[in-house]
Amino acid sequence: MTRAKKSYLPSIEMMIIIVFFGCFILWAIKQCNDTQQQYQTELELEVSEEEGDAAESEMVDTIANPATPSAGPTAATDPSAAAGTAAAPSATQAAGGIKAGSTSDGARLYVTIDGLKLRTGPSLDSPVILTIPLFNQVTFLGEITDSTQKINLGMEIADEPWVKVRHRRGHEGWVYGAGVHYARIKRKGVR
């Protein structure tokens, strides 16, 4: 009477099936977490967009009513106001409607160029503090350079001033004016 040898083939097949099933479960969990994180990011963008709309409405009211003390330039902070000349339109546009030397701190601006560099000073030669992704929010600190600088952005050449901002992590520095706007838009023509 011969005894049949026990075959390990079915148990190896079962191990392969269990490993495959385990990998599938791990992949599915990762996909769910990624989707949940994406929904959370979209929700945060919607909330900040609503806050931005409220700030934009407040900023439009401030600009529409120049009688308020913080709406316009003062002779102490803006040399062009002391001389009786108006600030350049590009400075107003770059800071979302706030003129150079405005004492109205705290206006929200959004990054319009992916990878915008926050620098220690208002020039391309200044060291980079931080690289800011597209649509991130920064706070306008009320300072704009008196002069503008032409910079090739890929498909357009912008002639804008530098704007002093604070990132939400607390870093303060200068960004090129074409890289920020009061609305969450992507700059056209940038590679």
N, C-alpha and C. Protein backbone atom coordinates (compact mmCIF):
# COMPACT_ATOMS: atom_id res chain seq x y z
N MET A 1 0.81 -1.15 0.00
CA MET A 1 0.00 0.00 0.00
C MET A 1 0.88 1.25 0.00
N THR A 2 0.78 1.92 -1.07
CA THR A 2 1.56 3.14 -1.21
C THR A 2 0.70 4.35 -0.81
N ARG A 3 1.37 5.19 -0.21
CA ARG A 3 0.71 6.40 0.23
C ARG A 3 0.98 7.52 -0.78
N ALA A 4 -0.03 8.31 -1.11
CA ALA A 4 0.13 9.40 -2.06
C ALA A 4 0.87 10.55 -1.38
N LYS A 5 1.78 11.15 -2.12
CA LYS A 5 2.51 12.29 -1.59
C LYS A 5 1.60 13.52 -1.55
N LYS A 6 1.77 14.28 -0.50
CA LYS A 6 0.97 15.49 -0.34
C LYS A 6 1.52 16.57 -1.26
N SER A 7 0.67 17.19 -2.05
CA SER A 7 1.10 18.21 -3.00
C SER A 7 0.98 19.60 -2.37
N TYR A 8 1.99 20.41 -2.56
CA TYR A 8 1.99 21.78 -2.03
C TYR A 8 1.45 22.78 -3.05
N LEU A 9 1.14 22.33 -4.25
CA LEU A 9 0.69 23.23 -5.30
C LEU A 9 -0.58 24.00 -4.91
N PRO A 10 -1.63 23.39 -4.38
CA PRO A 10 -2.82 24.17 -4.02
C PRO A 10 -2.52 25.22 -2.94
N SER A 11 -1.66 24.92 -2.00
CA SER A 11 -1.38 25.92 -0.97
C SER A 11 -0.56 27.09 -1.54
N ILE A 12 0.32 26.85 -2.50
CA ILE A 12 1.06 27.93 -3.17
C ILE A 12 0.10 28.80 -3.96
N GLU A 13 -0.84 28.20 -4.64
CA GLU A 13 -1.84 28.97 -5.40
C GLU A 13 -2.67 29.84 -4.46
N MET A 14 -3.04 29.29 -3.32
CA MET A 14 -3.80 30.07 -2.35
C MET A 14 -2.99 31.25 -1.82
N MET A 15 -1.70 31.04 -1.57
CA MET A 15 -0.83 32.12 -1.11
C MET A 15 -0.76 33.24 -2.15
N ILE A 16 -0.63 32.87 -3.42
CA ILE A 16 -0.57 33.87 -4.50
C ILE A 16 -1.88 34.66 -4.55
N ILE A 17 -2.99 33.98 -4.43
CA ILE A 17 -4.29 34.65 -4.46
C ILE A 17 -4.43 35.60 -3.26
N ILE A 18 -4.01 35.17 -2.08
CA ILE A 18 -4.10 36.01 -0.88
C ILE A 18 -3.21 37.25 -1.02
N VAL A 19 -1.97 37.08 -1.54
CA VAL A 19 -1.07 38.21 -1.73
C VAL A 19 -1.66 39.19 -2.75
N PHE A 20 -2.20 38.66 -3.86
CA PHE A 20 -2.82 39.51 -4.87
C PHE A 20 -3.99 40.28 -4.27
N PHE A 21 -4.85 39.61 -3.52
CA PHE A 21 -5.99 40.25 -2.89
C PHE A 21 -5.54 41.32 -1.89
N GLY A 22 -4.50 41.03 -1.12
CA GLY A 22 -3.96 42.00 -0.16
C GLY A 22 -3.44 43.24 -0.86
N CYS A 23 -2.72 43.05 -1.97
CA CYS A 23 -2.21 44.20 -2.75
C CYS A 23 -3.35 45.04 -3.30
N PHE A 24 -4.41 44.35 -3.76
CA PHE A 24 -5.57 45.07 -4.28
C PHE A 24 -6.22 45.91 -3.19
N ILE A 25 -6.36 45.36 -1.99
CA ILE A 25 -6.95 46.10 -0.86
C ILE A 25 -6.10 47.32 -0.53
N LEU A 26 -4.78 47.17 -0.46
CA LEU A 26 -3.90 48.30 -0.17
C LEU A 26 -4.03 49.39 -1.24
N TRP A 27 -4.08 48.97 -2.52
CA TRP A 27 -4.23 49.93 -3.62
C TRP A 27 -5.57 50.68 -3.48
N ALA A 28 -6.64 49.96 -3.17
CA ALA A 28 -7.96 50.58 -3.05
C ALA A 28 -7.99 51.58 -1.89
N ILE A 29 -7.36 51.25 -0.78
CA ILE A 29 -7.31 52.17 0.35
C ILE A 29 -6.55 53.44 -0.01
N LYS A 30 -5.43 53.29 -0.72
CA LYS A 30 -4.64 54.45 -1.15
C LYS A 30 -5.47 55.35 -2.07
N GLN A 31 -6.20 54.73 -3.01
CA GLN A 31 -7.03 55.51 -3.93
C GLN A 31 -8.11 56.27 -3.16
N CYS A 32 -8.72 55.63 -2.18
CA CYS A 32 -9.75 56.30 -1.37
C CYS A 32 -9.16 57.48 -0.60
N ASN A 33 -7.97 57.28 -0.03
CA ASN A 33 -7.33 58.37 0.70
C ASN A 33 -6.98 59.53 -0.22
N ASP A 34 -6.47 59.22 -1.43
CA ASP A 34 -6.14 60.27 -2.38
C ASP A 34 -7.39 61.05 -2.79
N THR A 35 -8.48 60.33 -3.04
CA THR A 35 -9.73 60.99 -3.42
C THR A 35 -10.26 61.85 -2.27
N GLN A 36 -10.18 61.33 -1.05
CA GLN A 36 -10.63 62.09 0.10
C GLN A 36 -9.79 63.35 0.26
N GLN A 37 -8.48 63.25 0.07
CA GLN A 37 -7.60 64.41 0.17
C GLN A 37 -7.93 65.43 -0.92
N GLN A 38 -8.23 64.94 -2.13
CA GLN A 38 -8.58 65.84 -3.22
C GLN A 38 -9.88 66.59 -2.90
N TYR A 39 -10.88 65.89 -2.37
CA TYR A 39 -12.13 66.55 -1.98
C TYR A 39 -11.89 67.57 -0.88
N GLN A 40 -11.01 67.24 0.07
CA GLN A 40 -10.70 68.17 1.15
C GLN A 40 -10.03 69.43 0.60
N THR A 41 -9.11 69.26 -0.34
CA THR A 41 -8.43 70.40 -0.96
C THR A 41 -9.44 71.27 -1.72
N GLU A 42 -10.35 70.64 -2.46
CA GLU A 42 -11.36 71.40 -3.19
C GLU A 42 -12.26 72.16 -2.22
N LEU A 43 -12.61 71.52 -1.10
CA LEU A 43 -13.43 72.19 -0.10
C LEU A 43 -12.71 73.40 0.48
N GLU A 44 -11.41 73.25 0.79
CA GLU A 44 -10.63 74.36 1.32
C GLU A 44 -10.55 75.49 0.31
N LEU A 45 -10.39 75.15 -0.99
CA LEU A 45 -10.35 76.18 -2.04
C LEU A 45 -11.67 76.91 -2.12
N GLU A 46 -12.79 76.18 -2.01
CA GLU A 46 -14.10 76.82 -2.05
C GLU A 46 -14.28 77.77 -0.86
N VAL A 47 -13.87 77.32 0.32
CA VAL A 47 -14.00 78.16 1.51
C VAL A 47 -13.14 79.40 1.36
N SER A 48 -11.88 79.22 0.93
CA SER A 48 -11.01 80.39 0.79
C SER A 48 -11.49 81.29 -0.35
N GLU A 49 -12.13 80.70 -1.37
CA GLU A 49 -12.67 81.50 -2.46
C GLU A 49 -13.82 82.36 -1.95
N GLU A 50 -14.67 81.78 -1.08
CA GLU A 50 -15.76 82.56 -0.51
C GLU A 50 -15.21 83.69 0.36
N GLU A 51 -14.17 83.39 1.14
CA GLU A 51 -13.53 84.44 1.94
C GLU A 51 -12.91 85.49 1.03
N GLY A 52 -12.30 85.03 -0.08
CA GLY A 52 -11.70 85.95 -1.05
C GLY A 52 -12.73 86.84 -1.70
N ASP A 53 -13.92 86.26 -2.00
CA ASP A 53 -15.00 87.06 -2.57
C ASP A 53 -15.44 88.14 -1.59
N ALA A 54 -15.51 87.78 -0.30
CA ALA A 54 -15.89 88.77 0.71
C ALA A 54 -14.83 89.85 0.81
N ALA A 55 -13.54 89.46 0.78
CA ALA A 55 -12.45 90.43 0.85
C ALA A 55 -12.44 91.30 -0.40
N GLU A 56 -12.71 90.68 -1.56
CA GLU A 56 -12.74 91.44 -2.81
C GLU A 56 -13.87 92.46 -2.77
N SER A 57 -15.02 92.06 -2.25
CA SER A 57 -16.15 92.98 -2.12
C SER A 57 -15.79 94.14 -1.20
N GLU A 58 -15.12 93.83 -0.10
CA GLU A 58 -14.69 94.86 0.84
C GLU A 58 -13.67 95.79 0.18
N MET A 59 -12.75 95.21 -0.63
CA MET A 59 -11.73 95.99 -1.29
C MET A 59 -12.37 96.92 -2.34
N VAL A 60 -13.38 96.39 -3.07
CA VAL A 60 -14.07 97.21 -4.07
C VAL A 60 -14.77 98.37 -3.38
N ASP A 61 -15.40 98.11 -2.21
CA ASP A 61 -16.04 99.19 -1.46
C ASP A 61 -15.02 100.24 -1.05
N THR A 62 -13.84 99.80 -0.60
CA THR A 62 -12.79 100.72 -0.18
C THR A 62 -12.32 101.57 -1.35
N ILE A 63 -12.16 100.95 -2.52
CA ILE A 63 -11.70 101.69 -3.70
C ILE A 63 -12.79 102.63 -4.20
N ALA A 64 -14.06 102.20 -4.11
CA ALA A 64 -15.17 103.02 -4.58
C ALA A 64 -15.41 104.23 -3.68
N ASN A 65 -15.01 104.13 -2.41
CA ASN A 65 -15.19 105.23 -1.46
C ASN A 65 -13.84 105.79 -1.05
N PRO A 66 -13.23 106.64 -1.85
CA PRO A 66 -11.91 107.14 -1.52
C PRO A 66 -11.89 108.06 -0.31
N ALA A 67 -13.04 108.38 0.26
CA ALA A 67 -13.07 109.25 1.44
C ALA A 67 -12.52 108.55 2.67
N THR A 68 -12.47 107.21 2.66
CA THR A 68 -11.92 106.50 3.81
C THR A 68 -10.42 106.74 3.85
N PRO A 69 -9.85 106.91 5.06
CA PRO A 69 -8.44 107.26 5.16
C PRO A 69 -7.49 106.22 4.59
N SER A 70 -7.86 104.94 4.61
CA SER A 70 -6.93 103.92 4.15
C SER A 70 -7.10 103.58 2.68
N ALA A 71 -7.98 104.26 1.96
CA ALA A 71 -8.24 103.87 0.58
C ALA A 71 -7.19 104.37 -0.39
N GLY A 72 -6.54 105.46 -0.13
CA GLY A 72 -5.62 106.02 -1.12
C GLY A 72 -4.24 106.24 -0.55
N PRO A 73 -3.31 106.66 -1.41
CA PRO A 73 -1.96 106.90 -0.95
C PRO A 73 -1.88 108.14 -0.08
N THR A 74 -0.92 108.14 0.81
CA THR A 74 -0.69 109.32 1.64
C THR A 74 0.65 109.92 1.27
N ALA A 75 0.81 111.17 1.56
CA ALA A 75 2.06 111.84 1.19
C ALA A 75 3.24 111.24 1.94
N ALA A 76 2.98 110.70 3.14
CA ALA A 76 4.07 110.13 3.93
C ALA A 76 4.55 108.80 3.38
N THR A 77 3.68 108.06 2.69
CA THR A 77 4.05 106.73 2.23
C THR A 77 4.24 106.62 0.74
N ASP A 78 3.77 107.57 -0.04
CA ASP A 78 3.86 107.47 -1.49
C ASP A 78 4.46 108.74 -2.07
N PRO A 79 5.68 108.65 -2.62
CA PRO A 79 6.29 109.83 -3.19
C PRO A 79 5.49 110.43 -4.34
N SER A 80 4.78 109.58 -5.11
CA SER A 80 4.00 110.13 -6.22
C SER A 80 2.81 110.94 -5.71
N ALA A 81 2.28 110.59 -4.51
CA ALA A 81 1.18 111.37 -3.94
C ALA A 81 1.68 112.75 -3.49
N ALA A 82 2.89 112.79 -2.96
CA ALA A 82 3.45 114.06 -2.51
C ALA A 82 3.70 114.98 -3.70
N ALA A 83 4.09 114.40 -4.83
CA ALA A 83 4.40 115.19 -6.02
C ALA A 83 3.15 115.55 -6.79
N GLY A 84 1.98 114.94 -6.41
CA GLY A 84 0.73 115.25 -7.09
C GLY A 84 0.51 114.42 -8.34
N THR A 85 1.24 113.33 -8.52
CA THR A 85 1.04 112.47 -9.68
C THR A 85 0.37 111.19 -9.24
N ALA A 86 -0.31 110.55 -10.17
CA ALA A 86 -1.01 109.30 -9.87
C ALA A 86 -0.06 108.12 -9.98
N ALA A 87 -0.38 107.06 -9.25
CA ALA A 87 0.41 105.83 -9.32
C ALA A 87 0.18 105.16 -10.67
N ALA A 88 1.14 104.38 -11.13
CA ALA A 88 1.04 103.70 -12.42
C ALA A 88 -0.11 102.71 -12.40
N PRO A 89 -0.88 102.58 -13.51
CA PRO A 89 -2.00 101.65 -13.55
C PRO A 89 -1.54 100.20 -13.33
N SER A 90 -0.34 99.86 -13.78
CA SER A 90 0.11 98.48 -13.61
C SER A 90 0.31 98.15 -12.14
N ALA A 91 0.71 99.13 -11.33
CA ALA A 91 0.87 98.88 -9.89
C ALA A 91 -0.49 98.61 -9.26
N THR A 92 -1.49 99.36 -9.67
CA THR A 92 -2.83 99.16 -9.16
C THR A 92 -3.35 97.79 -9.56
N GLN A 93 -3.17 97.43 -10.81
CA GLN A 93 -3.66 96.15 -11.31
C GLN A 93 -2.94 95.00 -10.63
N ALA A 94 -1.65 95.08 -10.45
CA ALA A 94 -0.87 93.99 -9.88
C ALA A 94 -1.26 93.71 -8.45
N ALA A 95 -1.66 94.71 -7.71
CA ALA A 95 -2.01 94.51 -6.30
C ALA A 95 -3.51 94.38 -6.12
N GLY A 96 -4.20 94.08 -7.20
CA GLY A 96 -5.63 93.87 -7.08
C GLY A 96 -6.40 95.13 -6.79
N GLY A 97 -5.97 96.27 -7.32
CA GLY A 97 -6.69 97.51 -7.15
C GLY A 97 -6.17 98.37 -6.02
N ILE A 98 -5.15 97.95 -5.30
CA ILE A 98 -4.60 98.74 -4.22
C ILE A 98 -3.42 99.53 -4.76
N LYS A 99 -3.40 100.81 -4.54
CA LYS A 99 -2.36 101.67 -5.10
C LYS A 99 -1.07 101.57 -4.31
N ALA A 100 0.01 101.97 -4.95
CA ALA A 100 1.32 101.95 -4.31
C ALA A 100 1.29 102.79 -3.05
N GLY A 101 1.88 102.26 -1.99
CA GLY A 101 1.98 102.98 -0.74
C GLY A 101 0.71 102.96 0.09
N SER A 102 -0.27 102.17 -0.30
CA SER A 102 -1.52 102.12 0.45
C SER A 102 -1.28 101.60 1.86
N THR A 103 -2.01 102.16 2.80
CA THR A 103 -1.87 101.71 4.18
C THR A 103 -2.84 100.58 4.50
N SER A 104 -3.57 100.11 3.51
CA SER A 104 -4.54 99.03 3.72
C SER A 104 -3.83 97.68 3.64
N ASP A 105 -3.37 97.20 4.79
CA ASP A 105 -2.73 95.90 4.83
C ASP A 105 -3.78 94.80 4.89
N GLY A 106 -3.38 93.62 4.51
CA GLY A 106 -4.24 92.47 4.69
C GLY A 106 -5.07 92.07 3.50
N ALA A 107 -4.95 92.71 2.34
CA ALA A 107 -5.71 92.30 1.18
C ALA A 107 -5.20 90.94 0.70
N ARG A 108 -6.12 90.07 0.33
CA ARG A 108 -5.74 88.74 -0.14
C ARG A 108 -5.45 88.78 -1.63
N LEU A 109 -4.34 88.19 -2.00
CA LEU A 109 -3.97 88.05 -3.40
C LEU A 109 -3.74 86.58 -3.68
N TYR A 110 -3.91 86.17 -4.92
CA TYR A 110 -3.69 84.78 -5.31
C TYR A 110 -2.55 84.69 -6.32
N VAL A 111 -1.79 83.63 -6.23
CA VAL A 111 -0.66 83.41 -7.14
C VAL A 111 -1.21 82.99 -8.50
N THR A 112 -0.76 83.66 -9.56
CA THR A 112 -1.24 83.39 -10.91
C THR A 112 -0.21 82.67 -11.77
N ILE A 113 1.00 82.49 -11.24
CA ILE A 113 2.08 81.80 -11.96
C ILE A 113 2.56 80.66 -11.08
N ASP A 114 2.49 79.43 -11.59
CA ASP A 114 2.93 78.28 -10.80
C ASP A 114 4.42 78.37 -10.54
N GLY A 115 4.80 78.24 -9.27
CA GLY A 115 6.21 78.31 -8.90
C GLY A 115 6.72 79.73 -8.73
N LEU A 116 5.83 80.65 -8.37
CA LEU A 116 6.23 82.05 -8.15
C LEU A 116 7.24 82.12 -7.01
N LYS A 117 8.31 82.88 -7.21
CA LYS A 117 9.39 82.97 -6.21
C LYS A 117 9.14 84.15 -5.27
N LEU A 118 9.14 83.85 -3.98
CA LEU A 118 9.10 84.88 -2.94
C LEU A 118 10.55 85.21 -2.61
N ARG A 119 10.94 86.48 -2.78
CA ARG A 119 12.34 86.89 -2.64
C ARG A 119 12.53 87.87 -1.48
N THR A 120 13.78 87.97 -1.03
CA THR A 120 14.10 88.88 0.08
C THR A 120 14.02 90.34 -0.34
N GLY A 121 14.19 90.62 -1.60
CA GLY A 121 14.15 91.99 -2.11
C GLY A 121 13.43 92.06 -3.44
N PRO A 122 13.13 93.27 -3.91
CA PRO A 122 12.38 93.43 -5.16
C PRO A 122 13.25 93.38 -6.41
N SER A 123 13.93 92.26 -6.63
CA SER A 123 14.71 92.09 -7.86
C SER A 123 14.96 90.61 -8.10
N LEU A 124 15.29 90.28 -9.34
CA LEU A 124 15.59 88.89 -9.68
C LEU A 124 16.90 88.43 -9.06
N ASP A 125 17.76 89.37 -8.64
CA ASP A 125 19.04 89.03 -8.02
C ASP A 125 18.90 88.67 -6.54
N SER A 126 17.77 89.01 -5.94
CA SER A 126 17.56 88.74 -4.51
C SER A 126 17.38 87.24 -4.27
N PRO A 127 17.86 86.75 -3.13
CA PRO A 127 17.71 85.33 -2.82
C PRO A 127 16.25 84.91 -2.68
N VAL A 128 15.97 83.66 -3.07
CA VAL A 128 14.62 83.12 -3.00
C VAL A 128 14.36 82.57 -1.59
N ILE A 129 13.26 82.99 -0.99
CA ILE A 129 12.85 82.52 0.33
C ILE A 129 12.00 81.26 0.18
N LEU A 130 11.08 81.30 -0.79
CA LEU A 130 10.07 80.26 -0.92
C LEU A 130 9.55 80.24 -2.35
N THR A 131 9.19 79.07 -2.85
CA THR A 131 8.53 78.95 -4.15
C THR A 131 7.07 78.65 -3.87
N ILE A 132 6.17 79.45 -4.44
CA ILE A 132 4.75 79.35 -4.12
C ILE A 132 3.99 78.74 -5.30
N PRO A 133 3.20 77.69 -5.05
CA PRO A 133 2.42 77.06 -6.12
C PRO A 133 1.26 77.94 -6.60
N LEU A 134 0.74 77.60 -7.77
CA LEU A 134 -0.38 78.29 -8.39
C LEU A 134 -1.59 78.30 -7.47
N PHE A 135 -2.31 79.41 -7.44
CA PHE A 135 -3.55 79.64 -6.69
C PHE A 135 -3.36 79.73 -5.18
N ASN A 136 -2.15 79.66 -4.67
CA ASN A 136 -1.96 79.85 -3.23
C ASN A 136 -2.29 81.29 -2.87
N GLN A 137 -2.74 81.48 -1.67
CA GLN A 137 -3.13 82.81 -1.20
C GLN A 137 -1.97 83.46 -0.45
N VAL A 138 -1.76 84.75 -0.72
CA VAL A 138 -0.77 85.54 0.02
C VAL A 138 -1.47 86.81 0.49
N THR A 139 -0.87 87.48 1.45
CA THR A 139 -1.45 88.71 1.99
C THR A 139 -0.61 89.90 1.55
N PHE A 140 -1.26 90.88 0.96
CA PHE A 140 -0.59 92.10 0.51
C PHE A 140 -0.19 92.93 1.72
N LEU A 141 1.07 93.37 1.78
CA LEU A 141 1.57 94.12 2.93
C LEU A 141 1.63 95.62 2.70
N GLY A 142 1.03 96.10 1.63
CA GLY A 142 0.92 97.54 1.44
C GLY A 142 2.12 98.21 0.79
N GLU A 143 3.07 97.44 0.27
CA GLU A 143 4.24 98.04 -0.38
C GLU A 143 4.37 97.55 -1.81
N ILE A 144 4.60 98.52 -2.71
CA ILE A 144 4.84 98.25 -4.13
C ILE A 144 6.00 99.12 -4.56
N THR A 145 6.88 98.59 -5.39
CA THR A 145 8.00 99.39 -5.87
C THR A 145 7.49 100.52 -6.76
N ASP A 146 8.22 101.62 -6.76
CA ASP A 146 7.85 102.77 -7.58
C ASP A 146 8.09 102.51 -9.07
N SER A 147 9.07 101.69 -9.37
CA SER A 147 9.38 101.40 -10.77
C SER A 147 8.88 100.02 -11.15
N THR A 148 8.80 99.80 -12.46
CA THR A 148 8.39 98.49 -12.97
C THR A 148 9.59 97.80 -13.59
N GLN A 149 9.44 96.52 -13.84
CA GLN A 149 10.51 95.74 -14.46
C GLN A 149 9.89 94.86 -15.53
N LYS A 150 10.55 94.80 -16.69
CA LYS A 150 10.08 93.93 -17.77
C LYS A 150 10.70 92.55 -17.57
N ILE A 151 9.82 91.53 -17.55
CA ILE A 151 10.26 90.15 -17.40
C ILE A 151 9.52 89.31 -18.43
N ASN A 152 10.26 88.45 -19.15
CA ASN A 152 9.69 87.55 -20.13
C ASN A 152 9.06 86.37 -19.40
N LEU A 153 7.74 86.21 -19.53
CA LEU A 153 7.02 85.13 -18.87
C LEU A 153 6.76 83.94 -19.78
N GLY A 154 7.38 83.90 -20.92
CA GLY A 154 7.18 82.79 -21.86
C GLY A 154 6.56 83.30 -23.14
N MET A 155 5.24 83.49 -23.11
CA MET A 155 4.55 83.95 -24.31
C MET A 155 4.17 85.43 -24.22
N GLU A 156 4.57 86.08 -23.15
CA GLU A 156 4.34 87.52 -23.03
C GLU A 156 5.47 88.15 -22.21
N ILE A 157 5.63 89.44 -22.40
CA ILE A 157 6.61 90.19 -21.60
C ILE A 157 5.80 91.13 -20.72
N ALA A 158 5.90 90.90 -19.42
CA ALA A 158 5.15 91.71 -18.46
C ALA A 158 6.01 92.88 -18.00
N ASP A 159 5.39 94.00 -17.74
CA ASP A 159 6.07 95.20 -17.23
C ASP A 159 5.33 95.61 -15.96
N GLU A 160 5.72 95.05 -14.84
CA GLU A 160 5.00 95.22 -13.58
C GLU A 160 5.97 95.61 -12.46
N PRO A 161 5.44 96.16 -11.38
CA PRO A 161 6.26 96.45 -10.20
C PRO A 161 6.39 95.19 -9.34
N TRP A 162 7.18 95.28 -8.29
CA TRP A 162 7.31 94.21 -7.31
C TRP A 162 6.36 94.52 -6.15
N VAL A 163 5.80 93.49 -5.55
CA VAL A 163 4.80 93.63 -4.51
C VAL A 163 5.27 92.89 -3.25
N LYS A 164 5.15 93.53 -2.09
CA LYS A 164 5.54 92.88 -0.84
C LYS A 164 4.34 92.12 -0.28
N VAL A 165 4.56 90.82 0.03
CA VAL A 165 3.48 89.96 0.51
C VAL A 165 3.95 89.10 1.68
N ARG A 166 2.97 88.49 2.36
CA ARG A 166 3.26 87.52 3.42
C ARG A 166 2.57 86.21 3.04
N HIS A 167 3.32 85.12 3.07
CA HIS A 167 2.78 83.79 2.80
C HIS A 167 2.08 83.29 4.06
N ARG A 168 1.18 82.35 3.91
CA ARG A 168 0.43 81.85 5.08
C ARG A 168 1.32 81.16 6.11
N ARG A 169 2.53 80.76 5.72
CA ARG A 169 3.48 80.17 6.67
C ARG A 169 4.22 81.24 7.46
N GLY A 170 3.97 82.52 7.14
CA GLY A 170 4.59 83.61 7.89
C GLY A 170 5.78 84.25 7.17
N HIS A 171 6.23 83.68 6.06
CA HIS A 171 7.35 84.25 5.33
C HIS A 171 6.92 85.54 4.64
N GLU A 172 7.71 86.59 4.79
CA GLU A 172 7.45 87.86 4.12
C GLU A 172 8.54 88.12 3.10
N GLY A 173 8.14 88.70 1.97
CA GLY A 173 9.11 89.00 0.94
C GLY A 173 8.44 89.65 -0.26
N TRP A 174 9.16 89.69 -1.36
CA TRP A 174 8.72 90.38 -2.57
C TRP A 174 8.43 89.36 -3.67
N VAL A 175 7.34 89.60 -4.42
CA VAL A 175 7.01 88.80 -5.60
C VAL A 175 6.81 89.74 -6.77
N TYR A 176 7.02 89.22 -7.97
CA TYR A 176 6.79 90.02 -9.17
C TYR A 176 5.29 90.27 -9.30
N GLY A 177 4.91 91.51 -9.59
CA GLY A 177 3.51 91.91 -9.62
C GLY A 177 2.64 91.13 -10.59
N ALA A 178 3.21 90.64 -11.69
CA ALA A 178 2.43 89.86 -12.65
C ALA A 178 2.08 88.49 -12.08
N GLY A 179 2.72 88.10 -11.00
CA GLY A 179 2.50 86.78 -10.43
C GLY A 179 1.40 86.71 -9.41
N VAL A 180 0.76 87.86 -9.08
CA VAL A 180 -0.33 87.87 -8.11
C VAL A 180 -1.51 88.66 -8.65
N HIS A 181 -2.70 88.32 -8.20
CA HIS A 181 -3.92 89.00 -8.63
C HIS A 181 -4.96 88.83 -7.54
N TYR A 182 -5.94 89.72 -7.49
CA TYR A 182 -6.97 89.63 -6.45
C TYR A 182 -7.96 88.49 -6.72
N ALA A 183 -8.00 87.98 -7.95
CA ALA A 183 -8.87 86.85 -8.29
C ALA A 183 -8.02 85.61 -8.55
N ARG A 184 -8.61 84.46 -8.33
CA ARG A 184 -7.90 83.20 -8.53
C ARG A 184 -7.94 82.85 -10.02
N ILE A 185 -6.91 83.31 -10.75
CA ILE A 185 -6.82 83.05 -12.19
C ILE A 185 -5.40 82.55 -12.49
N LYS A 186 -5.27 81.92 -13.65
CA LYS A 186 -3.93 81.52 -14.10
C LYS A 186 -3.51 82.51 -15.17
N ARG A 187 -2.31 82.99 -15.05
CA ARG A 187 -1.78 83.97 -16.01
C ARG A 187 -1.69 83.32 -17.38
N LYS A 188 -2.29 83.95 -18.38
CA LYS A 188 -2.26 83.42 -19.74
C LYS A 188 -0.88 83.64 -20.34
N GLY A 189 -0.44 82.69 -21.11
CA GLY A 189 0.82 82.83 -21.82
C GLY A 189 2.03 82.41 -21.04
N VAL A 190 1.85 81.91 -19.81
CA VAL A 190 2.99 81.47 -19.01
C VAL A 190 3.16 79.98 -19.23
N ARG A 191 4.42 79.61 -19.50
CA ARG A 191 4.71 78.19 -19.72
C ARG A 191 4.67 77.43 -18.43
